[in-house]
Amino acid sequence: MDIYRELFLMQQTYGTLFSLANKIQVKGDNFLELLTSRQYMAMVAIAHLDEDETTLNNIARKLGTTKQSVKQLITIMENKGYVNVVPSTKDKRAINVKITETGKEVLLVVAEKGIFFLEELFNKLSTEELETMWGLLKKLYSFDGQEHDGFEEEGNIKIDEDNNELQARVMKEFERRRIQAVNRENKSDGQI
């Protein structure tokens, strides 16, 4: 075992993850426009929690951040009219965060942009590479014994009939772009 090589790889991986997270956030903020990447992910976290479980602590746990950081995000989104803060029915000391109708509309627009941002972000990776990366990132996340409380389950925001058509159109375009990206990668790898 080359202990110096392992340390070098760990340092490079850490530095790359740190830089990549910042780069993705900046590019995502520009791409999404109506919400920052952090605001968008906070709304996604809210959508993936049961209605009476949308406390600041639970949102923070989903995002892997602090309650104070989430409080700042929620205050900004509340001022924009995207969320409401209401007393928790389960815990008198806690509050629940609810996405407003305006917030749902913004989330729908941003989600469409987000799909295309993800396609652009991951367009050089195959499905197998994405599965491997996701597995490795979850493994890395648990370095301190805490598993990632991810977004695997479907969200709790209901899509009305008008938006089903939009969602189908967006997914068809996403599929077209992914096929194009995979074909482009296969050509560059000499597989076609």
Protein backbone atom coordinates (compact mmCIF):
# COMPACT_ATOMS: atom_id res chain seq x y z
CA MET A 1 0.00 0.00 0.00
CA ASP A 2 1.33 3.44 -0.95
CA ILE A 3 0.09 5.57 1.95
CA TYR A 4 1.29 8.80 0.28
CA ARG A 5 -0.67 8.00 -2.86
CA GLU A 6 -3.80 7.33 -0.80
CA LEU A 7 -3.42 10.64 1.05
CA PHE A 8 -2.86 12.44 -2.27
CA LEU A 9 -6.02 10.84 -3.73
CA MET A 10 -8.04 11.77 -0.66
CA GLN A 11 -6.83 15.39 -0.82
CA GLN A 12 -7.57 15.62 -4.53
CA THR A 13 -11.00 14.05 -4.13
CA TYR A 14 -11.89 16.39 -1.25
CA GLY A 15 -10.67 19.45 -3.18
CA THR A 16 -12.51 18.38 -6.31
CA LEU A 17 -15.76 17.71 -4.41
CA PHE A 18 -15.51 21.10 -2.72
CA SER A 19 -14.83 22.95 -5.99
CA LEU A 20 -17.47 20.94 -7.84
CA ALA A 21 -20.15 21.69 -5.23
CA ASN A 22 -19.43 25.42 -5.56
CA LYS A 23 -19.35 25.27 -9.37
CA ILE A 24 -22.63 23.35 -9.53
CA GLN A 25 -24.26 25.83 -7.16
CA VAL A 26 -23.16 28.87 -9.21
CA LYS A 27 -24.13 27.30 -12.56
CA GLY A 28 -27.40 26.01 -11.09
CA ASP A 29 -28.30 29.44 -9.70
CA ASN A 30 -27.84 30.95 -13.16
CA PHE A 31 -29.69 28.12 -14.90
CA LEU A 32 -32.69 27.99 -12.54
CA GLU A 33 -33.18 31.78 -12.35
CA LEU A 34 -36.28 31.98 -10.07
CA LEU A 35 -34.73 30.09 -7.15
CA THR A 36 -31.17 29.54 -6.10
CA SER A 37 -29.95 25.96 -6.10
CA ARG A 38 -30.15 25.92 -2.29
CA GLN A 39 -33.71 27.30 -2.30
CA TYR A 40 -34.73 24.76 -4.92
CA MET A 41 -33.27 21.86 -2.94
CA ALA A 42 -35.01 23.15 0.22
CA MET A 43 -38.32 23.08 -1.66
CA VAL A 44 -37.54 19.56 -2.93
CA ALA A 45 -36.77 18.50 0.64
CA ILE A 46 -40.10 19.93 1.83
CA ALA A 47 -41.88 18.09 -0.99
CA HIS A 48 -40.24 14.81 0.10
CA LEU A 49 -41.33 15.07 3.72
CA ASP A 50 -44.76 14.22 5.11
CA GLU A 51 -46.87 17.35 5.54
CA ASP A 52 -46.63 17.32 9.35
CA GLU A 53 -42.87 16.54 9.27
CA THR A 54 -41.66 19.67 7.43
CA THR A 55 -39.78 21.11 10.40
CA LEU A 56 -36.56 23.06 10.02
CA ASN A 57 -34.64 20.16 11.62
CA ASN A 58 -36.07 17.61 9.17
CA ILE A 59 -35.42 19.85 6.16
CA ALA A 60 -31.85 20.43 7.41
CA ARG A 61 -31.30 16.68 7.84
CA LYS A 62 -32.49 16.02 4.25
CA LEU A 63 -30.09 18.69 2.96
CA GLY A 64 -27.16 17.72 5.18
CA THR A 65 -26.92 21.22 6.64
CA THR A 66 -27.77 23.15 9.79
CA LYS A 67 -31.13 24.32 11.11
CA GLN A 68 -29.79 27.91 11.05
CA SER A 69 -28.88 27.66 7.37
CA VAL A 70 -32.33 26.29 6.52
CA LYS A 71 -33.98 29.05 8.60
CA GLN A 72 -32.22 31.66 6.43
CA LEU A 73 -33.42 29.96 3.23
CA ILE A 74 -36.99 29.63 4.51
CA THR A 75 -37.11 33.29 5.58
CA ILE A 76 -36.05 34.39 2.09
CA MET A 77 -38.60 32.10 0.42
CA GLU A 78 -41.33 33.17 2.86
CA ASN A 79 -40.64 36.83 1.96
CA LYS A 80 -41.06 35.91 -1.71
CA GLY A 81 -44.40 34.20 -0.96
CA TYR A 82 -43.16 30.70 -1.90
CA VAL A 83 -43.64 29.12 1.54
CA ASN A 84 -45.62 29.69 4.72
CA VAL A 85 -44.43 28.90 8.21
CA VAL A 86 -47.08 27.43 10.52
CA PRO A 87 -46.99 25.99 14.03
CA SER A 88 -46.35 22.25 14.19
CA THR A 89 -49.31 20.15 15.21
CA LYS A 90 -46.93 17.57 16.74
CA ASP A 91 -44.46 19.75 18.63
CA LYS A 92 -45.35 23.14 20.14
CA ARG A 93 -41.70 24.22 19.94
CA ALA A 94 -41.42 23.50 16.20
CA ILE A 95 -42.78 24.98 13.01
CA ASN A 96 -43.74 23.34 9.74
CA VAL A 97 -42.99 24.83 6.35
CA LYS A 98 -45.70 24.64 3.69
CA ILE A 99 -45.21 25.39 0.00
CA THR A 100 -47.76 27.98 -1.18
CA GLU A 101 -49.63 27.85 -4.49
CA THR A 102 -47.21 30.48 -5.83
CA GLY A 103 -44.35 28.33 -4.57
CA LYS A 104 -45.76 25.29 -6.36
CA GLU A 105 -45.97 27.25 -9.62
CA VAL A 106 -42.37 28.45 -9.24
CA LEU A 107 -41.24 24.95 -8.27
CA LEU A 108 -42.84 23.55 -11.42
CA VAL A 109 -41.04 26.07 -13.66
CA VAL A 110 -37.74 25.54 -11.86
CA ALA A 111 -38.17 21.75 -11.90
CA GLU A 112 -38.43 21.86 -15.70
CA LYS A 113 -35.26 23.96 -15.91
CA GLY A 114 -33.69 21.68 -13.31
CA ILE A 115 -34.26 18.60 -15.44
CA PHE A 116 -32.40 20.20 -18.33
CA PHE A 117 -29.66 21.44 -15.99
CA LEU A 118 -29.18 17.88 -14.71
CA GLU A 119 -29.05 16.58 -18.28
CA GLU A 120 -26.34 19.11 -19.11
CA LEU A 121 -24.46 18.43 -15.88
CA PHE A 122 -24.41 14.64 -16.35
CA ASN A 123 -24.40 14.42 -20.15
CA LYS A 124 -20.98 12.71 -20.27
CA LEU A 125 -21.98 9.95 -17.87
CA SER A 126 -23.73 6.69 -18.75
CA THR A 127 -26.50 5.20 -16.64
CA GLU A 128 -24.00 2.73 -15.20
CA GLU A 129 -21.57 5.52 -14.31
CA LEU A 130 -24.38 7.48 -12.66
CA GLU A 131 -25.35 4.42 -10.59
CA THR A 132 -21.73 3.90 -9.55
CA MET A 133 -21.28 7.59 -8.67
CA TRP A 134 -24.51 7.67 -6.65
CA GLY A 135 -23.45 4.58 -4.73
CA LEU A 136 -19.99 5.99 -4.02
CA LEU A 137 -21.38 9.36 -2.93
CA LYS A 138 -23.83 7.69 -0.52
CA LYS A 139 -20.95 5.62 0.84
CA LEU A 140 -18.82 8.75 1.29
CA TYR A 141 -21.74 10.61 2.89
CA SER A 142 -21.90 7.98 5.64
CA PHE A 143 -18.26 8.56 6.73
CA ASP A 144 -19.55 9.67 10.16
CA GLY A 145 -22.04 6.81 10.54
CA GLN A 146 -25.03 8.84 9.38
CA GLU A 147 -26.77 7.56 6.26
CA HIS A 148 -28.02 9.97 3.62
CA ASP A 149 -31.74 10.67 3.98
CA GLY A 150 -32.21 11.08 0.25
CA PHE A 151 -34.94 11.90 -2.19
CA GLU A 152 -35.57 8.39 -3.50
CA GLU A 153 -39.29 8.35 -2.80
CA GLU A 154 -41.71 10.39 -4.86
CA GLY A 155 -42.52 13.87 -3.60
CA ASN A 156 -45.77 14.82 -1.93
CA ILE A 157 -46.74 17.65 -4.29
CA LYS A 158 -49.63 16.63 -6.50
CA ILE A 159 -49.48 17.55 -10.18
CA ASP A 160 -52.75 18.64 -11.78
CA GLU A 161 -53.90 17.50 -15.21
CA ASP A 162 -52.61 20.63 -17.00
CA ASN A 163 -49.12 19.98 -15.66
CA ASN A 164 -49.16 16.26 -16.56
CA GLU A 165 -48.96 17.28 -20.22
CA LEU A 166 -46.06 19.63 -19.47
CA GLN A 167 -44.28 16.90 -17.52
CA ALA A 168 -44.72 14.42 -20.40
CA ARG A 169 -43.33 16.96 -22.88
CA VAL A 170 -40.34 17.74 -20.65
CA MET A 171 -39.57 14.04 -20.11
CA LYS A 172 -39.76 13.35 -23.85
CA GLU A 173 -37.26 16.16 -24.52
CA PHE A 174 -35.06 14.92 -21.66
CA GLU A 175 -35.07 11.41 -23.15
CA ARG A 176 -34.13 12.80 -26.58
CA ARG A 177 -31.21 14.74 -25.09
CA ARG A 178 -29.97 11.75 -23.05
CA ILE A 179 -30.03 9.48 -26.10
CA GLN A 180 -28.13 12.12 -28.03
CA ALA A 181 -25.54 12.48 -25.24
CA VAL A 182 -25.04 8.71 -24.92
CA ASN A 183 -24.62 8.38 -28.69
CA ARG A 184 -22.11 11.25 -28.67
CA GLU A 185 -20.11 9.59 -25.85
CA ASN A 186 -20.20 6.20 -27.60
CA LYS A 187 -18.81 7.80 -30.77
CA SER A 188 -16.02 9.52 -28.87
CA ASP A 189 -15.17 6.22 -27.15
CA GLY A 190 -15.06 4.49 -30.55
CA GLN A 191 -17.97 2.19 -29.70
CA ILE A 192 -20.02 3.06 -32.77
